[in-house]
Amino acid sequence: MQQQIHPESHYVIFRDTSSGAMFKVLSTCESDQTIEWEDGNRYPLVNIEVSSASHPAYTGIRRQAASEGKVARFKARFGERSLKGH
C-alpha cells in the first residue's frame, strides 16, 4: 500500500435534518460547523437529509406522497361542473 495518498479520517457527527438523529462516525468529511458531543469533545458537524433513522427502507414507515390524485384535486377545485348546458 502506498504511503500518504489516503485522506486522514477523524470522528465527525452526522445530523439527519429530517429526523434529528445524530451519529458519531469515522469519516474523511470536512465541515466548518462544529458541535459538542456527549463525551464533552467538539467534532465537525455534517448535516444530511436522509439516514437510516429516516429512510423508509430502514424504518418500515411509508410516507404518502400525495393523498389525492390530480383528478380529485381538479374536482375539488372546480366541482362537478358540466359542459352539457353550454
Protein backbone atom coordinates (compact mmCIF):
# COMPACT_ATOMS: atom_id res chain seq x y z
CA MET A 1 0.00 0.00 0.00
CA GLN A 2 1.35 3.42 -0.92
CA GLN A 3 2.04 5.80 1.92
CA GLN A 4 0.49 9.26 2.30
CA ILE A 5 -2.05 9.03 -0.54
CA HIS A 6 -5.11 8.31 1.58
CA PRO A 7 -7.10 11.10 3.24
CA GLU A 8 -6.91 11.27 7.00
CA SER A 9 -10.01 10.03 8.82
CA HIS A 10 -11.39 11.53 12.02
CA TYR A 11 -14.62 11.48 14.01
CA VAL A 12 -17.49 13.50 12.54
CA ILE A 13 -21.06 13.99 13.76
CA PHE A 14 -23.69 13.41 11.07
CA ARG A 15 -27.09 15.00 11.82
CA ASP A 16 -30.18 13.81 9.94
CA THR A 17 -32.16 17.00 9.29
CA SER A 18 -35.45 15.18 8.73
CA SER A 19 -35.43 13.13 11.96
CA GLY A 20 -32.94 14.98 14.18
CA ALA A 21 -30.91 11.82 14.83
CA MET A 22 -27.14 12.24 15.22
CA PHE A 23 -24.35 9.70 14.64
CA LYS A 24 -20.65 9.82 15.54
CA VAL A 25 -18.71 8.14 12.73
CA LEU A 26 -15.15 7.94 11.45
CA SER A 27 -15.07 9.86 8.18
CA THR A 28 -12.92 11.93 5.85
CA CYS A 29 -15.62 14.64 5.54
CA GLU A 30 -14.73 18.20 6.49
CA SER A 31 -17.09 20.85 7.84
CA ASP A 32 -16.93 24.44 9.09
CA GLN A 33 -19.62 23.73 11.70
CA THR A 34 -18.82 22.01 15.00
CA ILE A 35 -20.92 20.56 17.80
CA GLU A 36 -20.21 19.41 21.34
CA TRP A 37 -20.88 15.69 21.65
CA GLU A 38 -21.97 13.65 24.69
CA ASP A 39 -18.35 12.99 25.67
CA GLY A 40 -17.64 16.74 26.03
CA ASN A 41 -15.45 16.99 22.92
CA ARG A 42 -16.17 19.15 19.87
CA TYR A 43 -16.48 17.46 16.49
CA PRO A 44 -17.19 18.66 12.93
CA LEU A 45 -20.93 18.62 12.13
CA VAL A 46 -22.23 17.45 8.75
CA ASN A 47 -25.96 17.85 8.02
CA ILE A 48 -27.56 15.18 5.82
CA GLU A 49 -31.13 14.91 4.54
CA VAL A 50 -31.63 11.13 4.82
CA SER A 51 -30.07 8.48 7.04
CA SER A 52 -31.03 5.09 8.39
CA ALA A 53 -33.09 6.92 11.02
CA SER A 54 -35.42 8.49 8.45
CA HIS A 55 -35.26 6.40 5.26
CA PRO A 56 -38.42 4.30 4.74
CA ALA A 57 -36.38 1.23 3.75
CA TYR A 58 -34.82 1.16 7.24
CA THR A 59 -37.72 2.46 9.32
CA GLY A 60 -40.51 0.47 7.65
CA ILE A 61 -42.73 3.57 7.66
CA ARG A 62 -44.22 4.51 4.31
CA ARG A 63 -44.76 8.15 3.51
CA GLN A 64 -47.70 9.28 1.47
CA ALA A 65 -46.54 11.34 -1.47
CA ALA A 66 -49.99 12.73 -2.22
CA SER A 67 -53.24 11.89 -0.51
CA GLU A 68 -55.29 12.51 -3.63
CA GLY A 69 -54.64 12.44 -7.34
CA LYS A 70 -54.81 15.19 -9.92
CA VAL A 71 -58.39 14.35 -10.92
CA ALA A 72 -59.62 14.55 -7.32
CA ARG A 73 -57.86 17.89 -6.81
CA PHE A 74 -59.40 19.21 -10.04
CA LYS A 75 -62.89 18.12 -8.94
CA ALA A 76 -62.39 19.68 -5.51
CA ARG A 77 -61.32 22.94 -7.09
CA PHE A 78 -63.90 23.22 -9.87
CA GLY A 79 -66.63 20.88 -8.63
CA GLU A 80 -68.73 18.65 -10.85
CA ARG A 81 -69.44 21.32 -13.46
CA SER A 82 -70.88 20.02 -16.64
CA LEU A 83 -70.33 21.37 -20.14
CA LYS A 84 -73.63 19.87 -21.40
CA GLY A 85 -75.61 23.06 -20.82
CA HIS A 86 -73.27 25.26 -22.84
